[in-house]
């Protein structure tokens, strides 16, 4: 598998987690083999097998409700605002005096 194919697979995996608005994590079966074993430190109370990955995804979904709306994947919900580079004092003065 090429590095680009691996990246696309991970993007689809994360997107499947982000788009899942229910506690049904069976969509992750497409991405993990039946004999899957994670080799990372476990989350307390979560196994390191395929079901544990589903449990971890559900924990993430509940802890990050904004993820289901696209924020975790970096998608924005509106136009990007340019930062106001004026000093705090100048911004306060402008808020009081509309002529600025």
C-alpha atoms as a PDB file:
ATOM      1  CA  UNK A   1       0.000   0.000   0.000  1.00  0.00           C
ATOM      2  CA  UNK A   2       1.405   3.400  -0.938  1.00  0.00           C
ATOM      3  CA  UNK A   3       1.832   6.171   1.628  1.00  0.00           C
ATOM      4  CA  UNK A   4      -0.960   8.141  -0.084  1.00  0.00           C
ATOM      5  CA  UNK A   5      -3.297   5.132   0.089  1.00  0.00           C
ATOM      6  CA  UNK A   6      -2.480   4.757   3.800  1.00  0.00           C
ATOM      7  CA  UNK A   7      -3.243   8.440   4.395  1.00  0.00           C
ATOM      8  CA  UNK A   8      -6.564   8.120   2.571  1.00  0.00           C
ATOM      9  CA  UNK A   9      -7.479   5.045   4.621  1.00  0.00           C
ATOM     10  CA  UNK A  10      -6.819   6.915   7.877  1.00  0.00           C
ATOM     11  CA  UNK A  11      -8.789   9.944   6.622  1.00  0.00           C
ATOM     12  CA  UNK A  12     -11.767   7.698   5.874  1.00  0.00           C
ATOM     13  CA  UNK A  13     -11.431   5.998   9.291  1.00  0.00           C
ATOM     14  CA  UNK A  14     -11.413   9.327  11.153  1.00  0.00           C
ATOM     15  CA  UNK A  15     -14.254  10.607   8.962  1.00  0.00           C
ATOM     16  CA  UNK A  16     -16.319   7.488   9.774  1.00  0.00           C
ATOM     17  CA  UNK A  17     -15.849   8.216  13.483  1.00  0.00           C
ATOM     18  CA  UNK A  18     -16.645  11.926  13.026  1.00  0.00           C
ATOM     19  CA  UNK A  19     -19.772  11.276  10.940  1.00  0.00           C
ATOM     20  CA  UNK A  20     -21.180   8.674  13.340  1.00  0.00           C
ATOM     21  CA  UNK A  21     -23.886  10.409  15.368  1.00  0.00           C
ATOM     22  CA  UNK A  22     -25.071   7.264  17.161  1.00  0.00           C
ATOM     23  CA  UNK A  23     -23.456   4.767  19.498  1.00  0.00           C
ATOM     24  CA  UNK A  24     -23.422   2.164  16.696  1.00  0.00           C
ATOM     25  CA  UNK A  25     -19.748   1.840  15.789  1.00  0.00           C
ATOM     26  CA  UNK A  26     -20.196  -1.095  13.415  1.00  0.00           C
ATOM     27  CA  UNK A  27     -19.033   1.216  10.602  1.00  0.00           C
ATOM     28  CA  UNK A  28     -15.512   0.676  11.960  1.00  0.00           C
ATOM     29  CA  UNK A  29     -15.647  -3.035  11.054  1.00  0.00           C
ATOM     30  CA  UNK A  30     -14.613  -1.991   7.541  1.00  0.00           C
ATOM     31  CA  UNK A  31     -11.335  -0.637   8.893  1.00  0.00           C
ATOM     32  CA  UNK A  32     -10.256  -3.224  11.482  1.00  0.00           C
ATOM     33  CA  UNK A  33      -9.599  -6.935  11.000  1.00  0.00           C
ATOM     34  CA  UNK A  34     -11.393  -9.488  13.172  1.00  0.00           C
ATOM     35  CA  UNK A  35      -8.144 -10.422  14.934  1.00  0.00           C
ATOM     36  CA  UNK A  36      -7.089  -6.795  15.445  1.00  0.00           C
ATOM     37  CA  UNK A  37      -4.926  -6.089  18.492  1.00  0.00           C
ATOM     38  CA  UNK A  38      -3.882  -2.545  19.415  1.00  0.00           C
ATOM     39  CA  UNK A  39      -0.315  -2.113  20.647  1.00  0.00           C
ATOM     40  CA  UNK A  40      -0.766   1.221  22.354  1.00  0.00           C
ATOM     41  CA  UNK A  41      -1.404   1.919  26.047  1.00  0.00           C
ATOM     42  CA  UNK A  42      -4.986   0.969  26.869  1.00  0.00           C
ATOM     43  CA  UNK A  43      -7.699   3.343  27.961  1.00  0.00           C
ATOM     44  CA  UNK A  44      -8.880   2.211  31.419  1.00  0.00           C
ATOM     45  CA  UNK A  45     -11.748  -0.235  31.015  1.00  0.00           C
ATOM     46  CA  UNK A  46     -11.288  -0.602  27.239  1.00  0.00           C
ATOM     47  CA  UNK A  47      -9.869  -3.750  25.668  1.00  0.00           C
ATOM     48  CA  UNK A  48      -7.156  -3.696  23.006  1.00  0.00           C
ATOM     49  CA  UNK A  49      -9.133  -5.666  20.417  1.00  0.00           C
ATOM     50  CA  UNK A  50     -11.609  -4.730  17.683  1.00  0.00           C
ATOM     51  CA  UNK A  51     -14.420  -4.136  20.186  1.00  0.00           C
ATOM     52  CA  UNK A  52     -12.096  -1.973  22.247  1.00  0.00           C
ATOM     53  CA  UNK A  53     -11.501   0.245  19.211  1.00  0.00           C
ATOM     54  CA  UNK A  54     -15.265   0.681  18.925  1.00  0.00           C
ATOM     55  CA  UNK A  55     -15.479   1.487  22.640  1.00  0.00           C
ATOM     56  CA  UNK A  56     -12.687   4.046  22.294  1.00  0.00           C
ATOM     57  CA  UNK A  57     -14.446   5.632  19.299  1.00  0.00           C
ATOM     58  CA  UNK A  58     -17.660   5.893  21.330  1.00  0.00           C
ATOM     59  CA  UNK A  59     -15.781   7.473  24.243  1.00  0.00           C
ATOM     60  CA  UNK A  60     -14.275   9.992  21.811  1.00  0.00           C
ATOM     61  CA  UNK A  61     -17.685  10.702  20.260  1.00  0.00           C
ATOM     62  CA  UNK A  62     -19.290  11.362  23.642  1.00  0.00           C
ATOM     63  CA  UNK A  63     -16.385  13.472  24.903  1.00  0.00           C
ATOM     64  CA  UNK A  64     -16.214  15.554  21.718  1.00  0.00           C
ATOM     65  CA  UNK A  65     -19.749  16.283  20.524  1.00  0.00           C
ATOM     66  CA  UNK A  66     -18.432  18.979  18.178  1.00  0.00           C
ATOM     67  CA  UNK A  67     -16.504  16.319  16.255  1.00  0.00           C
ATOM     68  CA  UNK A  68     -19.736  15.008  14.770  1.00  0.00           C
ATOM     69  CA  UNK A  69     -20.347  18.449  13.293  1.00  0.00           C
ATOM     70  CA  UNK A  70     -17.014  18.504  11.485  1.00  0.00           C
ATOM     71  CA  UNK A  71     -14.772  20.495  13.790  1.00  0.00           C
ATOM     72  CA  UNK A  72     -12.353  17.664  14.523  1.00  0.00           C
ATOM     73  CA  UNK A  73     -11.582  17.210  10.854  1.00  0.00           C
ATOM     74  CA  UNK A  74     -10.691  20.875  10.478  1.00  0.00           C
ATOM     75  CA  UNK A  75     -13.790  21.966   8.612  1.00  0.00           C
ATOM     76  CA  UNK A  76     -15.070  25.427   9.459  1.00  0.00           C
ATOM     77  CA  UNK A  77     -18.670  26.540   9.728  1.00  0.00           C
ATOM     78  CA  UNK A  78     -18.318  30.065   8.421  1.00  0.00           C
ATOM     79  CA  UNK A  79     -16.036  32.573   6.808  1.00  0.00           C
ATOM     80  CA  UNK A  80     -12.604  32.940   8.320  1.00  0.00           C
ATOM     81  CA  UNK A  81     -12.151  36.248  10.096  1.00  0.00           C
ATOM     82  CA  UNK A  82      -8.973  38.217   9.694  1.00  0.00           C
ATOM     83  CA  UNK A  83      -7.279  38.925  13.022  1.00  0.00           C
ATOM     84  CA  UNK A  84      -7.563  42.441  14.359  1.00  0.00           C
ATOM     85  CA  UNK A  85      -3.965  43.584  14.616  1.00  0.00           C
ATOM     86  CA  UNK A  86      -4.703  46.790  16.499  1.00  0.00           C
ATOM     87  CA  UNK A  87      -3.685  47.113  20.115  1.00  0.00           C
ATOM     88  CA  UNK A  88      -6.199  46.404  22.844  1.00  0.00           C
ATOM     89  CA  UNK A  89      -6.410  50.122  23.603  1.00  0.00           C
ATOM     90  CA  UNK A  90      -7.107  50.952  19.934  1.00  0.00           C
ATOM     91  CA  UNK A  91      -9.822  48.284  19.726  1.00  0.00           C
ATOM     92  CA  UNK A  92     -11.505  49.635  22.866  1.00  0.00           C
ATOM     93  CA  UNK A  93     -11.322  53.195  21.573  1.00  0.00           C
ATOM     94  CA  UNK A  94     -12.826  52.116  18.238  1.00  0.00           C
ATOM     95  CA  UNK A  95     -15.657  50.332  20.029  1.00  0.00           C
ATOM     96  CA  UNK A  96     -16.526  53.551  21.903  1.00  0.00           C
ATOM     97  CA  UNK A  97     -15.993  55.942  19.004  1.00  0.00           C
ATOM     98  CA  UNK A  98     -17.561  54.746  15.703  1.00  0.00           C
ATOM     99  CA  UNK A  99     -15.563  57.299  13.651  1.00  0.00           C
ATOM    100  CA  UNK A 100     -12.444  55.059  13.591  1.00  0.00           C
END
